[in-house]
Amino acid sequence: MAKKTKKSDFISTGQVAHNRRANFDYFIDDVFIAGLELTGTEIKSLRLGHANINDAFGVEKNGEIYISNMFIAEYVNKGYESHAEMRLRKLLLKKREIIKIINELSRKGATLVAMKLFFNDKGRAKLEVGLGRGKKLYDKRETIKERDWKREKARLLG
């Protein structure tokens, strides 16, 4: 039998998942906050915090933007209805934002990366996506040096 979940286990507002590698692997130029087209069991699973966006990226299909490789675990207390854990999920963006993203994705090396999955103040699931360009190995080394220098500077000053 499935484990009972208490009301206190649910996330009503706040962060569900965070992609920490996004800023390390990509130069993020623009950030967009998009709604998600989800099913009922996906929302319930998200409220329990069962999601992973580390490998998620955006794709353009028929003039719309979809998020691919976003993992939302199957809801434990499901009945007869469930959802596919890895599927294309539509991003709900404004027309102007979609056009801008499609134009940027047509350039070489541009990627739409999922950065943060959260519930806003109204309790709606939102995904923060960033338009970025991939970093080379020497850029990543530079990022590490800069981070270490900031840490050392903070230690010396305070």
Protein backbone atom coordinates (compact mmCIF):
# COMPACT_ATOMS: atom_id res chain seq x y z
CA MET A 1 0.00 0.00 0.00
CA ALA A 2 1.18 3.51 -0.78
CA LYS A 3 2.55 5.71 1.97
CA LYS A 4 0.05 8.28 3.29
CA THR A 5 1.09 11.88 2.79
CA LYS A 6 0.22 14.56 5.28
CA LYS A 7 -0.97 18.02 4.32
CA SER A 8 2.22 19.45 5.85
CA ASP A 9 4.37 17.52 3.35
CA PHE A 10 3.02 19.52 0.41
CA ILE A 11 4.84 22.56 -1.01
CA SER A 12 2.35 25.40 -1.52
CA THR A 13 4.81 28.13 -2.52
CA GLY A 14 8.55 28.14 -3.00
CA GLN A 15 11.25 26.23 -4.80
CA VAL A 16 10.78 22.64 -5.95
CA ALA A 17 13.93 22.00 -8.00
CA HIS A 18 17.06 23.94 -8.91
CA ASN A 19 19.62 23.35 -11.67
CA ARG A 20 22.91 24.39 -10.11
CA ARG A 21 24.97 23.36 -13.13
CA ALA A 22 23.17 25.82 -15.44
CA ASN A 23 25.29 28.86 -14.54
CA PHE A 24 28.45 26.76 -14.49
CA ASP A 25 27.93 25.17 -17.92
CA TYR A 26 26.33 28.12 -19.75
CA PHE A 27 26.61 31.88 -20.15
CA ILE A 28 23.00 32.88 -19.40
CA ASP A 29 21.95 35.91 -21.47
CA ASP A 30 18.18 36.18 -20.92
CA VAL A 31 15.92 34.71 -18.25
CA PHE A 32 12.21 33.99 -18.75
CA ILE A 33 9.59 32.78 -16.27
CA ALA A 34 7.11 30.46 -17.92
CA GLY A 35 4.04 28.58 -16.80
CA LEU A 36 3.79 24.85 -17.43
CA GLU A 37 1.00 22.80 -18.95
CA LEU A 38 0.74 19.91 -16.46
CA THR A 39 -1.69 17.15 -15.51
CA GLY A 40 -3.21 16.65 -12.05
CA THR A 41 -0.86 13.87 -10.93
CA GLU A 42 2.14 15.90 -12.08
CA ILE A 43 1.10 18.82 -9.88
CA LYS A 44 0.58 16.54 -6.89
CA SER A 45 4.01 15.01 -7.42
CA LEU A 46 5.56 18.48 -7.70
CA ARG A 47 3.89 19.54 -4.46
CA LEU A 48 5.76 16.67 -2.80
CA GLY A 49 9.01 17.94 -4.35
CA HIS A 50 9.58 14.94 -6.64
CA ALA A 51 11.14 16.62 -9.69
CA ASN A 52 14.51 16.87 -11.42
CA ILE A 53 15.40 19.53 -14.00
CA ASN A 54 19.17 19.01 -14.24
CA ASP A 55 19.05 17.69 -17.83
CA ALA A 56 16.04 19.73 -18.99
CA PHE A 57 16.26 21.91 -22.09
CA GLY A 58 13.85 23.76 -24.35
CA VAL A 59 12.90 22.83 -27.90
CA GLU A 60 10.81 24.60 -30.54
CA LYS A 61 8.03 22.61 -32.19
CA ASN A 62 5.32 24.05 -34.46
CA GLY A 63 5.92 27.62 -33.27
CA GLU A 64 5.63 26.67 -29.58
CA ILE A 65 8.26 26.06 -26.90
CA TYR A 66 8.41 22.73 -25.06
CA ILE A 67 10.63 21.55 -22.23
CA SER A 68 12.27 18.18 -22.74
CA ASN A 69 14.02 15.79 -20.29
CA MET A 70 12.24 17.23 -17.26
CA PHE A 71 11.62 14.41 -14.79
CA ILE A 72 8.51 14.46 -12.60
CA ALA A 73 8.14 11.28 -10.57
CA GLU A 74 4.95 9.27 -10.70
CA TYR A 75 2.51 10.23 -7.96
CA VAL A 76 2.44 7.57 -5.24
CA ASN A 77 -1.28 7.72 -4.39
CA LYS A 78 -2.48 7.71 -7.98
CA GLY A 79 -5.65 5.90 -8.92
CA TYR A 80 -6.18 4.60 -12.41
CA GLU A 81 -4.77 7.75 -14.02
CA SER A 82 -1.07 8.53 -14.15
CA HIS A 83 1.44 10.45 -16.27
CA ALA A 84 4.63 9.72 -18.20
CA GLU A 85 7.63 10.75 -16.11
CA MET A 86 9.64 12.11 -19.04
CA ARG A 87 7.55 13.81 -21.72
CA LEU A 88 7.44 17.06 -23.66
CA ARG A 89 5.70 19.69 -21.55
CA LYS A 90 4.47 22.91 -23.11
CA LEU A 91 5.80 26.20 -21.76
CA LEU A 92 3.23 28.97 -21.42
CA LEU A 93 4.90 32.16 -22.62
CA LYS A 94 3.80 35.39 -24.26
CA LYS A 95 3.93 35.57 -28.05
CA ARG A 96 6.73 38.14 -28.03
CA GLU A 97 8.83 35.95 -25.72
CA ILE A 98 8.27 32.88 -27.92
CA ILE A 99 9.40 34.78 -31.02
CA LYS A 100 12.51 36.05 -29.22
CA ILE A 101 13.39 32.55 -27.98
CA ILE A 102 12.88 30.96 -31.42
CA ASN A 103 15.11 33.61 -33.03
CA GLU A 104 17.84 33.03 -30.44
CA LEU A 105 17.62 29.23 -30.70
CA SER A 106 18.20 29.46 -34.46
CA ARG A 107 21.71 30.78 -33.76
CA LYS A 108 24.56 28.33 -33.44
CA GLY A 109 25.38 27.28 -29.87
CA ALA A 110 22.25 28.76 -28.26
CA THR A 111 20.33 26.62 -25.77
CA LEU A 112 17.23 27.09 -23.63
CA VAL A 113 18.11 25.69 -20.19
CA ALA A 114 15.79 25.04 -17.25
CA MET A 115 17.16 26.83 -14.19
CA LYS A 116 14.55 26.72 -11.42
CA LEU A 117 11.15 25.09 -10.86
CA PHE A 118 8.95 26.73 -8.24
CA PHE A 119 5.44 27.61 -7.11
CA ASN A 120 4.65 31.32 -7.21
CA ASP A 121 2.63 33.27 -4.61
CA LYS A 122 -0.65 32.14 -6.20
CA GLY A 123 0.43 28.49 -5.98
CA ARG A 124 1.00 28.01 -9.72
CA ALA A 125 3.92 25.97 -11.05
CA LYS A 126 6.47 28.13 -12.87
CA LEU A 127 9.73 27.30 -14.61
CA GLU A 128 12.59 29.76 -14.90
CA VAL A 129 14.42 29.16 -18.18
CA GLY A 130 17.55 30.85 -19.43
CA LEU A 131 18.79 31.46 -22.95
CA GLY A 132 22.44 30.59 -22.87
CA ARG A 133 25.56 29.71 -24.80
CA GLY A 134 27.72 26.78 -23.78
CA LYS A 135 30.99 27.44 -21.96
CA LYS A 136 34.31 25.97 -22.99
CA LEU A 137 36.61 24.25 -20.49
CA TYR A 138 38.78 27.35 -20.06
CA ASP A 139 35.67 29.45 -19.32
CA LYS A 140 34.72 27.02 -16.56
CA ARG A 141 38.22 27.28 -15.08
CA GLU A 142 37.86 31.06 -15.11
CA THR A 143 34.52 30.74 -13.28
CA ILE A 144 36.16 28.55 -10.63
CA LYS A 145 39.04 31.03 -10.17
CA GLU A 146 36.62 33.93 -9.85
CA ARG A 147 34.50 32.09 -7.29
CA ASP A 148 37.58 31.12 -5.23
CA TRP A 149 38.87 34.71 -5.34
CA LYS A 150 35.52 36.07 -4.10
CA ARG A 151 35.52 33.54 -1.28
CA GLU A 152 39.11 34.43 -0.31
CA LYS A 153 38.35 38.18 -0.47
CA ALA A 154 35.31 37.75 1.78
CA ARG A 155 37.39 35.76 4.26
CA LEU A 156 40.10 38.44 4.37
CA LEU A 157 37.71 41.39 4.69
CA GLY A 158 35.20 39.99 7.09
